[in-house]
């Protein structure tokens, strides 16, 4: 399976969506890497730092292992995406980023990047149309056929 270095736009879009929606309120995103009790809380002032963490995780998977090092780390500076993030686009972008970045599940699962994408996925799902109106658990056999 071939892994690719993702674009800066991919990272900017993920960070923009996280901070646009927030975790408890817009502009404040919380996430926690698995197997830690360390909750990371970020705001717009930490967007470059978080974006760099995400991009570097992908770079280390795709480019950072090359010997001698032929590809130089390009550096990262956050550029906020304009407009309202689309939750479907963000969910697909999360899947794309994870596919390109994860190699060893034991390493990925406890990474800061995996914690970020897990929490962003939860936030993005709640943005989907109908999420708030959907039942919490199903106990009605007509749930799929009722309109």
C-alpha atoms as a PDB file:
ATOM      1  CA  UNK A   1       0.000   0.000   0.000  1.00  0.00           C
ATOM      2  CA  UNK A   2       1.491   3.285  -1.114  1.00  0.00           C
ATOM      3  CA  UNK A   3       1.363   6.309   1.174  1.00  0.00           C
ATOM      4  CA  UNK A   4       1.460   9.886  -0.077  1.00  0.00           C
ATOM      5  CA  UNK A   5       2.459  13.181   1.440  1.00  0.00           C
ATOM      6  CA  UNK A   6      -0.818  15.087   1.799  1.00  0.00           C
ATOM      7  CA  UNK A   7      -1.240  18.671   0.673  1.00  0.00           C
ATOM      8  CA  UNK A   8      -1.072  21.648   2.984  1.00  0.00           C
ATOM      9  CA  UNK A   9      -4.689  22.327   1.967  1.00  0.00           C
ATOM     10  CA  UNK A  10      -5.699  18.990   3.515  1.00  0.00           C
ATOM     11  CA  UNK A  11      -4.183  20.031   6.833  1.00  0.00           C
ATOM     12  CA  UNK A  12      -5.580  23.580   6.664  1.00  0.00           C
ATOM     13  CA  UNK A  13      -9.063  22.189   6.010  1.00  0.00           C
ATOM     14  CA  UNK A  14      -8.922  19.774   8.965  1.00  0.00           C
ATOM     15  CA  UNK A  15      -7.687  22.433  11.394  1.00  0.00           C
ATOM     16  CA  UNK A  16     -10.186  25.005  10.092  1.00  0.00           C
ATOM     17  CA  UNK A  17     -13.108  22.600  10.571  1.00  0.00           C
ATOM     18  CA  UNK A  18     -11.971  21.626  14.071  1.00  0.00           C
ATOM     19  CA  UNK A  19     -11.760  25.223  15.205  1.00  0.00           C
ATOM     20  CA  UNK A  20     -14.820  26.402  13.269  1.00  0.00           C
ATOM     21  CA  UNK A  21     -17.067  23.841  14.974  1.00  0.00           C
ATOM     22  CA  UNK A  22     -15.099  23.505  18.191  1.00  0.00           C
ATOM     23  CA  UNK A  23     -15.626  20.643  20.598  1.00  0.00           C
ATOM     24  CA  UNK A  24     -17.727  22.401  23.197  1.00  0.00           C
ATOM     25  CA  UNK A  25     -17.909  25.763  21.434  1.00  0.00           C
ATOM     26  CA  UNK A  26     -16.640  27.308  18.193  1.00  0.00           C
ATOM     27  CA  UNK A  27     -13.007  28.376  18.286  1.00  0.00           C
ATOM     28  CA  UNK A  28     -12.036  25.904  21.012  1.00  0.00           C
ATOM     29  CA  UNK A  29     -11.273  22.327  20.004  1.00  0.00           C
ATOM     30  CA  UNK A  30     -10.417  19.619  22.521  1.00  0.00           C
ATOM     31  CA  UNK A  31      -8.878  16.247  21.798  1.00  0.00           C
ATOM     32  CA  UNK A  32      -7.057  13.516  23.661  1.00  0.00           C
ATOM     33  CA  UNK A  33      -4.586  10.992  22.316  1.00  0.00           C
ATOM     34  CA  UNK A  34      -5.510   7.438  23.315  1.00  0.00           C
ATOM     35  CA  UNK A  35      -3.771   5.975  26.369  1.00  0.00           C
ATOM     36  CA  UNK A  36      -3.196   9.389  27.923  1.00  0.00           C
ATOM     37  CA  UNK A  37      -5.098  11.562  30.322  1.00  0.00           C
ATOM     38  CA  UNK A  38      -3.686  14.641  28.628  1.00  0.00           C
ATOM     39  CA  UNK A  39      -6.508  16.652  27.050  1.00  0.00           C
ATOM     40  CA  UNK A  40      -5.253  19.109  24.451  1.00  0.00           C
ATOM     41  CA  UNK A  41      -7.265  22.286  24.114  1.00  0.00           C
ATOM     42  CA  UNK A  42      -6.500  24.478  21.132  1.00  0.00           C
ATOM     43  CA  UNK A  43      -7.757  27.774  19.793  1.00  0.00           C
ATOM     44  CA  UNK A  44      -7.021  29.821  16.696  1.00  0.00           C
ATOM     45  CA  UNK A  45      -3.700  30.906  18.247  1.00  0.00           C
ATOM     46  CA  UNK A  46      -2.486  27.268  18.260  1.00  0.00           C
ATOM     47  CA  UNK A  47      -3.686  26.449  14.703  1.00  0.00           C
ATOM     48  CA  UNK A  48      -0.185  26.531  13.195  1.00  0.00           C
ATOM     49  CA  UNK A  49       1.204  24.296  15.948  1.00  0.00           C
ATOM     50  CA  UNK A  50      -1.556  21.698  15.528  1.00  0.00           C
ATOM     51  CA  UNK A  51      -1.404  21.801  11.738  1.00  0.00           C
ATOM     52  CA  UNK A  52       2.337  21.287  11.886  1.00  0.00           C
ATOM     53  CA  UNK A  53       1.847  18.270  14.178  1.00  0.00           C
ATOM     54  CA  UNK A  54      -0.621  16.724  11.705  1.00  0.00           C
ATOM     55  CA  UNK A  55       1.498  17.428   8.645  1.00  0.00           C
ATOM     56  CA  UNK A  56       4.712  16.239  10.309  1.00  0.00           C
ATOM     57  CA  UNK A  57       3.041  12.942  11.296  1.00  0.00           C
ATOM     58  CA  UNK A  58       2.163  12.396   7.630  1.00  0.00           C
ATOM     59  CA  UNK A  59       5.595  13.558   6.450  1.00  0.00           C
ATOM     60  CA  UNK A  60       7.367  11.119   8.775  1.00  0.00           C
ATOM     61  CA  UNK A  61       5.242   8.293   7.349  1.00  0.00           C
ATOM     62  CA  UNK A  62       5.768   9.208   3.708  1.00  0.00           C
ATOM     63  CA  UNK A  63       9.014  11.159   3.368  1.00  0.00           C
ATOM     64  CA  UNK A  64      10.911  11.303   6.650  1.00  0.00           C
ATOM     65  CA  UNK A  65      12.328   7.789   6.399  1.00  0.00           C
ATOM     66  CA  UNK A  66      14.125   8.351   3.072  1.00  0.00           C
ATOM     67  CA  UNK A  67      17.911   7.962   3.417  1.00  0.00           C
ATOM     68  CA  UNK A  68      19.733  10.055   2.578  1.00  0.00           C
ATOM     69  CA  UNK A  69      17.062  12.596   3.277  1.00  0.00           C
ATOM     70  CA  UNK A  70      16.082  13.765  -0.191  1.00  0.00           C
ATOM     71  CA  UNK A  71      12.887  15.546   0.730  1.00  0.00           C
ATOM     72  CA  UNK A  72      13.155  18.523   3.065  1.00  0.00           C
ATOM     73  CA  UNK A  73      10.400  19.278   5.569  1.00  0.00           C
ATOM     74  CA  UNK A  74       8.572  22.233   3.967  1.00  0.00           C
ATOM     75  CA  UNK A  75       7.485  23.844   7.229  1.00  0.00           C
ATOM     76  CA  UNK A  76       3.914  24.798   7.977  1.00  0.00           C
ATOM     77  CA  UNK A  77       1.987  27.998   8.548  1.00  0.00           C
ATOM     78  CA  UNK A  78      -1.788  27.755   9.011  1.00  0.00           C
ATOM     79  CA  UNK A  79      -4.081  29.451   6.480  1.00  0.00           C
ATOM     80  CA  UNK A  80      -7.735  29.434   7.517  1.00  0.00           C
ATOM     81  CA  UNK A  81     -10.169  28.128   4.920  1.00  0.00           C
ATOM     82  CA  UNK A  82     -13.031  30.531   4.145  1.00  0.00           C
ATOM     83  CA  UNK A  83     -16.665  29.546   4.492  1.00  0.00           C
ATOM     84  CA  UNK A  84     -18.593  26.865   6.360  1.00  0.00           C
ATOM     85  CA  UNK A  85     -16.923  23.427   6.481  1.00  0.00           C
ATOM     86  CA  UNK A  86     -18.968  20.625   4.917  1.00  0.00           C
ATOM     87  CA  UNK A  87     -19.135  17.679   7.343  1.00  0.00           C
ATOM     88  CA  UNK A  88     -19.183  15.068   4.566  1.00  0.00           C
ATOM     89  CA  UNK A  89     -16.104  16.599   2.937  1.00  0.00           C
ATOM     90  CA  UNK A  90     -14.318  16.723   6.303  1.00  0.00           C
ATOM     91  CA  UNK A  91     -15.239  13.124   7.163  1.00  0.00           C
ATOM     92  CA  UNK A  92     -13.850  11.962   3.819  1.00  0.00           C
ATOM     93  CA  UNK A  93     -10.740  14.128   4.307  1.00  0.00           C
ATOM     94  CA  UNK A  94     -10.179  12.559   7.733  1.00  0.00           C
ATOM     95  CA  UNK A  95     -10.350   9.096   6.132  1.00  0.00           C
ATOM     96  CA  UNK A  96      -7.937  10.201   3.403  1.00  0.00           C
ATOM     97  CA  UNK A  97      -5.483  11.695   5.913  1.00  0.00           C
ATOM     98  CA  UNK A  98      -5.588   8.609   8.141  1.00  0.00           C
ATOM     99  CA  UNK A  99      -5.076   6.290   5.160  1.00  0.00           C
ATOM    100  CA  UNK A 100      -2.042   8.278   4.020  1.00  0.00           C
ATOM    101  CA  UNK A 101      -0.573   8.605   7.524  1.00  0.00           C
ATOM    102  CA  UNK A 102      -1.195   5.362   9.422  1.00  0.00           C
ATOM    103  CA  UNK A 103       1.344   2.586   8.988  1.00  0.00           C
ATOM    104  CA  UNK A 104       1.690   0.674  12.237  1.00  0.00           C
ATOM    105  CA  UNK A 105      -1.623   0.650  14.149  1.00  0.00           C
ATOM    106  CA  UNK A 106       0.189   0.283  17.489  1.00  0.00           C
ATOM    107  CA  UNK A 107       2.044   3.546  16.836  1.00  0.00           C
ATOM    108  CA  UNK A 108      -0.781   5.387  15.064  1.00  0.00           C
ATOM    109  CA  UNK A 109      -3.483   4.577  17.635  1.00  0.00           C
ATOM    110  CA  UNK A 110      -1.646   6.383  20.444  1.00  0.00           C
ATOM    111  CA  UNK A 111      -0.417   9.309  18.352  1.00  0.00           C
ATOM    112  CA  UNK A 112      -1.485  12.894  18.854  1.00  0.00           C
ATOM    113  CA  UNK A 113      -2.648  12.992  15.214  1.00  0.00           C
ATOM    114  CA  UNK A 114      -4.938   9.984  15.716  1.00  0.00           C
ATOM    115  CA  UNK A 115      -6.435  11.619  18.801  1.00  0.00           C
ATOM    116  CA  UNK A 116      -7.105  14.781  16.791  1.00  0.00           C
ATOM    117  CA  UNK A 117      -8.801  12.940  13.917  1.00  0.00           C
ATOM    118  CA  UNK A 118     -10.921  10.790  16.258  1.00  0.00           C
ATOM    119  CA  UNK A 119     -12.325  13.835  18.008  1.00  0.00           C
ATOM    120  CA  UNK A 120     -12.784  15.758  14.761  1.00  0.00           C
ATOM    121  CA  UNK A 121     -14.737  12.805  13.354  1.00  0.00           C
ATOM    122  CA  UNK A 122     -17.094  12.954  16.358  1.00  0.00           C
ATOM    123  CA  UNK A 123     -17.608  16.691  15.896  1.00  0.00           C
ATOM    124  CA  UNK A 124     -18.125  16.379  12.126  1.00  0.00           C
ATOM    125  CA  UNK A 125     -20.742  13.642  12.552  1.00  0.00           C
ATOM    126  CA  UNK A 126     -22.781  15.939  14.792  1.00  0.00           C
ATOM    127  CA  UNK A 127     -22.839  18.522  11.968  1.00  0.00           C
ATOM    128  CA  UNK A 128     -24.627  16.137   9.583  1.00  0.00           C
ATOM    129  CA  UNK A 129     -28.201  17.077   8.689  1.00  0.00           C
ATOM    130  CA  UNK A 130     -30.677  15.121  10.805  1.00  0.00           C
ATOM    131  CA  UNK A 131     -28.134  14.162  13.483  1.00  0.00           C
ATOM    132  CA  UNK A 132     -29.971  15.954  16.282  1.00  0.00           C
ATOM    133  CA  UNK A 133     -33.342  14.493  15.232  1.00  0.00           C
ATOM    134  CA  UNK A 134     -32.139  10.890  14.860  1.00  0.00           C
ATOM    135  CA  UNK A 135     -32.981   8.490  17.702  1.00  0.00           C
ATOM    136  CA  UNK A 136     -30.387   7.600  20.315  1.00  0.00           C
ATOM    137  CA  UNK A 137     -30.635   3.861  19.839  1.00  0.00           C
ATOM    138  CA  UNK A 138     -33.305   2.101  17.808  1.00  0.00           C
ATOM    139  CA  UNK A 139     -36.179   0.126  19.263  1.00  0.00           C
ATOM    140  CA  UNK A 140     -38.735   0.765  16.540  1.00  0.00           C
ATOM    141  CA  UNK A 141     -38.850  -1.832  13.715  1.00  0.00           C
ATOM    142  CA  UNK A 142     -40.264   0.885  11.424  1.00  0.00           C
ATOM    143  CA  UNK A 143     -37.299   3.230  12.031  1.00  0.00           C
ATOM    144  CA  UNK A 144     -36.004   2.821   8.464  1.00  0.00           C
ATOM    145  CA  UNK A 145     -39.394   3.072   6.793  1.00  0.00           C
ATOM    146  CA  UNK A 146     -41.023   5.872   8.799  1.00  0.00           C
ATOM    147  CA  UNK A 147     -40.967   9.266   7.139  1.00  0.00           C
END
